[in-house]
N, C-alpha and C. Protein backbone atom coordinates (compact mmCIF):
# COMPACT_ATOMS: atom_id res chain seq x y z
N MET A 1 1.82 8.76 -9.95
CA MET A 1 1.72 7.88 -8.81
C MET A 1 2.38 6.52 -9.21
N VAL A 2 3.22 6.06 -8.30
CA VAL A 2 3.96 4.86 -8.52
C VAL A 2 3.07 3.57 -8.43
N LEU A 3 2.27 3.53 -7.34
CA LEU A 3 1.41 2.38 -7.08
C LEU A 3 -0.03 2.86 -6.81
N PRO A 4 -0.86 2.94 -7.81
CA PRO A 4 -2.25 3.46 -7.50
C PRO A 4 -3.06 2.36 -6.86
N ALA A 5 -4.05 2.76 -6.05
CA ALA A 5 -5.00 1.87 -5.42
C ALA A 5 -4.26 0.87 -4.55
N THR A 6 -3.31 1.33 -3.75
CA THR A 6 -2.54 0.43 -2.88
C THR A 6 -3.04 0.62 -1.45
N GLN A 7 -2.99 -0.44 -0.71
CA GLN A 7 -3.39 -0.39 0.70
C GLN A 7 -2.30 0.21 1.56
N VAL A 8 -2.73 0.52 2.85
CA VAL A 8 -1.72 1.08 3.71
C VAL A 8 -0.70 0.09 4.28
N GLU A 9 -1.09 -1.17 4.25
CA GLU A 9 -0.16 -2.23 4.64
C GLU A 9 0.14 -3.14 3.43
N PHE A 10 1.40 -3.20 3.05
CA PHE A 10 1.82 -4.08 1.96
C PHE A 10 3.31 -4.33 2.05
N THR A 11 3.81 -5.23 1.22
CA THR A 11 5.24 -5.46 1.19
C THR A 11 5.67 -5.39 -0.26
N VAL A 12 6.97 -5.01 -0.40
CA VAL A 12 7.66 -5.01 -1.72
C VAL A 12 9.04 -5.69 -1.50
N HIS A 13 9.35 -6.57 -2.42
CA HIS A 13 10.63 -7.24 -2.35
C HIS A 13 11.14 -7.52 -3.73
N HIS A 14 12.45 -7.74 -3.80
CA HIS A 14 13.02 -8.05 -5.17
C HIS A 14 13.11 -9.57 -5.28
N ASP A 15 12.57 -10.13 -6.33
CA ASP A 15 12.62 -11.52 -6.62
C ASP A 15 13.76 -11.74 -7.62
N ALA A 16 14.94 -12.14 -7.16
CA ALA A 16 16.13 -12.26 -8.01
C ALA A 16 15.95 -13.31 -9.11
N ALA A 17 15.23 -14.41 -8.80
CA ALA A 17 15.01 -15.44 -9.84
C ALA A 17 14.21 -14.92 -11.02
N ARG A 18 13.29 -14.10 -10.73
CA ARG A 18 12.40 -13.53 -11.83
C ARG A 18 12.87 -12.17 -12.33
N GLU A 19 13.93 -11.58 -11.60
CA GLU A 19 14.44 -10.26 -11.96
C GLU A 19 13.30 -9.22 -11.99
N GLN A 20 12.45 -9.29 -10.93
CA GLN A 20 11.33 -8.32 -10.83
C GLN A 20 11.12 -7.98 -9.34
N TYR A 21 10.52 -6.85 -9.15
CA TYR A 21 10.01 -6.52 -7.82
C TYR A 21 8.55 -7.02 -7.71
N VAL A 22 8.22 -7.50 -6.52
CA VAL A 22 6.91 -8.04 -6.25
C VAL A 22 6.24 -7.24 -5.09
N GLN A 23 5.09 -6.82 -5.26
CA GLN A 23 4.26 -6.06 -4.22
C GLN A 23 3.06 -6.93 -3.86
N VAL A 24 2.84 -7.19 -2.56
CA VAL A 24 1.75 -8.00 -2.08
C VAL A 24 0.89 -7.19 -1.20
N GLN A 25 -0.40 -7.31 -1.28
CA GLN A 25 -1.38 -6.57 -0.46
C GLN A 25 -2.70 -7.29 -0.38
N SER A 26 -3.48 -6.90 0.60
CA SER A 26 -4.93 -7.28 0.58
C SER A 26 -5.57 -6.26 -0.37
N GLY A 27 -6.64 -6.69 -1.04
CA GLY A 27 -7.21 -5.91 -2.10
C GLY A 27 -8.23 -4.83 -1.69
N GLY A 28 -8.67 -4.86 -0.48
CA GLY A 28 -9.72 -3.92 -0.12
C GLY A 28 -9.86 -3.85 1.39
N PHE A 29 -11.04 -3.52 1.85
CA PHE A 29 -11.35 -3.42 3.22
C PHE A 29 -12.58 -4.18 3.58
N GLY A 30 -12.51 -5.08 4.56
CA GLY A 30 -13.62 -5.94 4.86
C GLY A 30 -13.32 -7.31 4.30
N GLY A 31 -14.31 -7.88 3.58
CA GLY A 31 -14.12 -9.12 2.85
C GLY A 31 -13.33 -8.78 1.61
N THR A 32 -12.17 -9.39 1.43
CA THR A 32 -11.27 -8.97 0.33
C THR A 32 -10.42 -10.17 -0.22
N ASP A 33 -9.77 -9.94 -1.30
CA ASP A 33 -8.80 -10.87 -1.86
C ASP A 33 -7.39 -10.41 -1.63
N LEU A 34 -6.47 -11.33 -1.82
CA LEU A 34 -5.06 -11.04 -1.71
C LEU A 34 -4.55 -10.92 -3.21
N ALA A 35 -3.63 -9.97 -3.43
CA ALA A 35 -3.18 -9.75 -4.79
C ALA A 35 -1.70 -9.37 -4.76
N TYR A 36 -1.09 -9.53 -5.97
CA TYR A 36 0.30 -9.10 -6.14
C TYR A 36 0.42 -8.31 -7.42
N ARG A 37 1.45 -7.55 -7.53
CA ARG A 37 1.84 -6.78 -8.76
C ARG A 37 3.37 -7.02 -8.95
N THR A 38 3.81 -6.79 -10.14
CA THR A 38 5.25 -6.90 -10.39
C THR A 38 5.71 -5.70 -11.18
N ALA A 39 7.04 -5.41 -11.12
CA ALA A 39 7.59 -4.35 -11.88
C ALA A 39 9.12 -4.62 -12.06
N PRO A 40 9.72 -4.12 -13.12
CA PRO A 40 11.14 -4.25 -13.36
C PRO A 40 12.01 -3.40 -12.46
N ALA A 41 11.44 -2.36 -11.89
CA ALA A 41 12.12 -1.45 -11.03
C ALA A 41 11.14 -0.94 -9.95
N LEU A 42 11.70 -0.41 -8.85
CA LEU A 42 10.82 0.04 -7.78
C LEU A 42 9.90 1.17 -8.24
N THR A 43 10.35 1.93 -9.16
CA THR A 43 9.52 3.07 -9.71
C THR A 43 8.59 2.64 -10.80
N GLY A 44 8.55 1.32 -11.14
CA GLY A 44 7.61 0.84 -12.11
C GLY A 44 8.22 0.63 -13.50
N PRO A 45 7.36 0.50 -14.44
CA PRO A 45 5.92 0.48 -14.33
C PRO A 45 5.45 -0.84 -13.72
N TRP A 46 4.44 -0.69 -12.83
CA TRP A 46 3.83 -1.81 -12.13
C TRP A 46 2.68 -2.40 -12.90
N THR A 47 2.52 -3.72 -12.87
CA THR A 47 1.35 -4.33 -13.45
C THR A 47 0.14 -3.98 -12.61
N GLY A 48 -1.02 -4.29 -13.12
CA GLY A 48 -2.23 -4.19 -12.28
C GLY A 48 -2.18 -5.34 -11.30
N PRO A 49 -3.05 -5.26 -10.24
CA PRO A 49 -3.09 -6.34 -9.25
C PRO A 49 -3.57 -7.60 -9.85
N THR A 50 -2.92 -8.70 -9.48
CA THR A 50 -3.32 -10.06 -9.88
C THR A 50 -3.81 -10.81 -8.59
N VAL A 51 -5.09 -11.11 -8.59
CA VAL A 51 -5.66 -11.79 -7.37
C VAL A 51 -5.15 -13.21 -7.40
N PHE A 52 -4.64 -13.67 -6.23
CA PHE A 52 -4.16 -15.04 -6.14
C PHE A 52 -4.84 -15.87 -5.01
N HIS A 53 -5.55 -15.20 -4.17
CA HIS A 53 -6.21 -15.98 -3.03
C HIS A 53 -7.42 -15.18 -2.50
N ARG A 54 -8.47 -15.92 -2.32
CA ARG A 54 -9.69 -15.34 -1.65
C ARG A 54 -9.71 -16.01 -0.26
N PRO A 55 -9.38 -15.32 0.83
CA PRO A 55 -9.45 -15.94 2.09
C PRO A 55 -10.88 -16.31 2.44
N PRO A 56 -11.13 -17.54 2.92
CA PRO A 56 -12.40 -17.98 3.18
C PRO A 56 -13.12 -17.15 4.26
N GLU A 57 -12.34 -16.49 5.12
CA GLU A 57 -12.95 -15.61 6.12
C GLU A 57 -13.54 -14.42 5.52
N SER A 58 -13.23 -14.06 4.25
CA SER A 58 -13.76 -12.85 3.59
C SER A 58 -15.24 -13.00 3.37
N ASP A 59 -15.75 -14.29 3.27
CA ASP A 59 -17.15 -14.52 2.94
C ASP A 59 -17.98 -14.69 4.17
N GLY A 60 -17.47 -14.56 5.36
CA GLY A 60 -18.17 -14.76 6.60
C GLY A 60 -18.81 -13.44 7.07
N PRO A 61 -19.65 -13.55 8.11
CA PRO A 61 -20.35 -12.33 8.63
C PRO A 61 -19.30 -11.38 9.27
N ASN A 62 -19.52 -10.13 9.11
CA ASN A 62 -18.67 -9.06 9.71
C ASN A 62 -17.18 -9.18 9.29
N ALA A 63 -16.95 -9.67 8.10
CA ALA A 63 -15.52 -9.96 7.66
C ALA A 63 -14.69 -8.74 7.62
N PHE A 64 -13.50 -8.90 8.18
CA PHE A 64 -12.45 -7.83 8.17
C PHE A 64 -11.12 -8.57 7.96
N VAL A 65 -10.66 -8.64 6.69
CA VAL A 65 -9.47 -9.31 6.36
C VAL A 65 -8.49 -8.20 5.90
N TYR A 66 -7.26 -8.24 6.41
CA TYR A 66 -6.32 -7.17 6.09
C TYR A 66 -4.89 -7.63 6.26
N ALA A 67 -3.90 -6.77 5.98
CA ALA A 67 -2.50 -6.99 6.26
C ALA A 67 -1.91 -8.08 5.36
N GLY A 68 -2.29 -8.21 4.13
CA GLY A 68 -1.66 -9.12 3.18
C GLY A 68 -0.17 -8.74 2.99
N LYS A 69 0.75 -9.63 3.33
CA LYS A 69 2.19 -9.36 3.25
C LYS A 69 2.95 -10.58 2.81
N ALA A 70 3.98 -10.32 1.95
CA ALA A 70 4.87 -11.39 1.57
C ALA A 70 5.96 -11.67 2.54
N HIS A 71 6.46 -12.90 2.53
CA HIS A 71 7.56 -13.29 3.43
C HIS A 71 8.53 -14.08 2.54
N PRO A 72 9.29 -13.42 1.69
CA PRO A 72 10.20 -14.15 0.77
C PRO A 72 11.32 -14.90 1.48
N GLU A 73 11.51 -14.62 2.75
CA GLU A 73 12.58 -15.30 3.49
C GLU A 73 12.14 -16.77 3.85
N LEU A 74 10.86 -17.05 3.76
CA LEU A 74 10.36 -18.37 4.13
C LEU A 74 10.38 -19.31 2.93
N ALA A 75 10.64 -20.60 3.14
CA ALA A 75 10.71 -21.57 2.05
C ALA A 75 9.44 -22.39 2.01
N GLY A 76 9.25 -23.16 0.94
CA GLY A 76 8.15 -24.06 0.79
C GLY A 76 7.20 -23.74 -0.32
N ALA A 77 7.40 -22.62 -1.00
CA ALA A 77 6.58 -22.16 -2.12
C ALA A 77 7.34 -21.07 -2.91
N ASP A 78 6.72 -20.66 -4.08
CA ASP A 78 7.30 -19.51 -4.70
C ASP A 78 7.34 -18.30 -3.74
N LEU A 79 6.26 -18.24 -2.94
CA LEU A 79 6.16 -17.11 -1.99
C LEU A 79 5.18 -17.52 -0.90
N ALA A 80 5.61 -17.21 0.35
CA ALA A 80 4.69 -17.39 1.52
C ALA A 80 4.11 -16.01 1.84
N VAL A 81 2.84 -16.00 2.03
CA VAL A 81 2.07 -14.74 2.28
C VAL A 81 1.25 -14.90 3.57
N THR A 82 1.13 -13.85 4.30
CA THR A 82 0.26 -13.89 5.49
C THR A 82 -0.82 -12.83 5.36
N TYR A 83 -1.93 -13.04 6.04
CA TYR A 83 -2.97 -12.07 6.19
C TYR A 83 -3.61 -12.29 7.56
N VAL A 84 -4.42 -11.33 8.03
CA VAL A 84 -5.07 -11.41 9.28
C VAL A 84 -6.57 -11.42 9.03
N ALA A 85 -7.30 -12.29 9.73
CA ALA A 85 -8.79 -12.33 9.70
C ALA A 85 -9.24 -11.84 11.05
N ASN A 86 -10.20 -10.88 10.93
CA ASN A 86 -10.76 -10.23 12.12
C ASN A 86 -12.22 -10.03 11.84
N SER A 87 -12.90 -9.29 12.71
CA SER A 87 -14.33 -9.05 12.55
C SER A 87 -14.64 -7.61 12.92
N PHE A 88 -15.59 -7.02 12.26
CA PHE A 88 -16.07 -5.70 12.58
C PHE A 88 -16.93 -5.68 13.82
N GLU A 89 -17.28 -6.87 14.33
CA GLU A 89 -18.07 -7.00 15.53
C GLU A 89 -17.15 -7.38 16.70
N PHE A 90 -16.89 -6.45 17.63
CA PHE A 90 -15.99 -6.65 18.70
C PHE A 90 -16.28 -7.95 19.49
N ALA A 91 -17.50 -8.20 19.74
CA ALA A 91 -17.88 -9.42 20.54
C ALA A 91 -17.42 -10.70 19.89
N ASP A 92 -17.24 -10.72 18.57
CA ASP A 92 -16.78 -11.90 17.86
C ASP A 92 -15.39 -12.30 18.31
N LEU A 93 -14.58 -11.39 18.73
CA LEU A 93 -13.22 -11.67 19.23
C LEU A 93 -13.25 -12.56 20.44
N PHE A 94 -14.34 -12.53 21.22
CA PHE A 94 -14.42 -13.36 22.42
C PHE A 94 -15.12 -14.68 22.14
N SER A 95 -15.95 -14.70 21.13
CA SER A 95 -16.73 -15.94 20.84
C SER A 95 -16.06 -16.80 19.79
N ASP A 96 -15.11 -16.24 18.97
CA ASP A 96 -14.49 -16.99 17.88
C ASP A 96 -12.98 -16.99 18.12
N PRO A 97 -12.44 -18.08 18.62
CA PRO A 97 -11.02 -18.08 18.90
C PRO A 97 -10.14 -18.17 17.66
N THR A 98 -10.75 -18.32 16.51
CA THR A 98 -9.92 -18.40 15.24
C THR A 98 -9.57 -17.01 14.76
N LEU A 99 -10.15 -15.95 15.28
CA LEU A 99 -9.90 -14.60 14.82
C LEU A 99 -8.64 -13.97 15.37
N TYR A 100 -8.13 -13.01 14.62
CA TYR A 100 -7.07 -12.13 15.04
C TYR A 100 -5.69 -12.77 15.25
N TYR A 101 -5.33 -13.59 14.28
CA TYR A 101 -3.99 -14.17 14.22
C TYR A 101 -3.65 -14.38 12.75
N PRO A 102 -2.34 -14.31 12.39
CA PRO A 102 -2.00 -14.47 10.97
C PRO A 102 -2.30 -15.81 10.39
N ARG A 103 -2.65 -15.85 9.14
CA ARG A 103 -2.82 -17.09 8.38
C ARG A 103 -1.76 -17.01 7.30
N PHE A 104 -1.24 -18.23 6.97
CA PHE A 104 -0.22 -18.39 5.92
C PHE A 104 -0.82 -18.97 4.69
N VAL A 105 -0.43 -18.56 3.53
CA VAL A 105 -0.83 -18.98 2.22
C VAL A 105 0.43 -19.24 1.36
N ARG A 106 0.47 -20.37 0.74
CA ARG A 106 1.57 -20.70 -0.20
C ARG A 106 1.12 -20.18 -1.58
N VAL A 107 2.02 -19.43 -2.26
CA VAL A 107 1.60 -18.83 -3.56
C VAL A 107 2.54 -19.30 -4.63
N THR A 108 1.96 -19.64 -5.75
CA THR A 108 2.71 -19.89 -6.97
C THR A 108 2.61 -18.66 -7.85
N LEU A 109 3.67 -18.03 -8.08
CA LEU A 109 3.70 -16.75 -8.85
C LEU A 109 3.66 -17.03 -10.38
N GLY A 110 2.89 -16.27 -11.11
CA GLY A 110 2.88 -16.29 -12.52
C GLY A 110 3.45 -14.97 -13.04
N CYS A 111 4.58 -14.54 -12.42
CA CYS A 111 5.14 -13.21 -12.73
C CYS A 111 5.85 -13.17 -14.03
N ASP A 112 5.14 -12.66 -14.97
CA ASP A 112 5.81 -12.46 -16.30
C ASP A 112 5.51 -11.06 -16.77
N GLY A 113 5.00 -10.21 -15.79
CA GLY A 113 4.60 -8.90 -16.06
C GLY A 113 5.65 -8.02 -16.56
């Protein structure tokens, strides 16, 4: 297996400055962390996941955080990452206008893997 314990939504891109591939994902289902891995080639070997951000929404009631993805085309940090905060309680979508849209996170990579 090339990438064990990987989510169904993730991104992989080549970071030319670090001469590595970077994979970004949310770490689980529900309340979760965002993590990245690195590898010298698409086929690996990949490092284990490095957690870089705990979305504050992950610690709320009915937390459903997902779709952690990198956006290397954006400037302003080593890497811009988005994720989506949602709720397992459908009624929350009507009472909480902050749900169900992407959030951006600036990431400083420690990619030496």
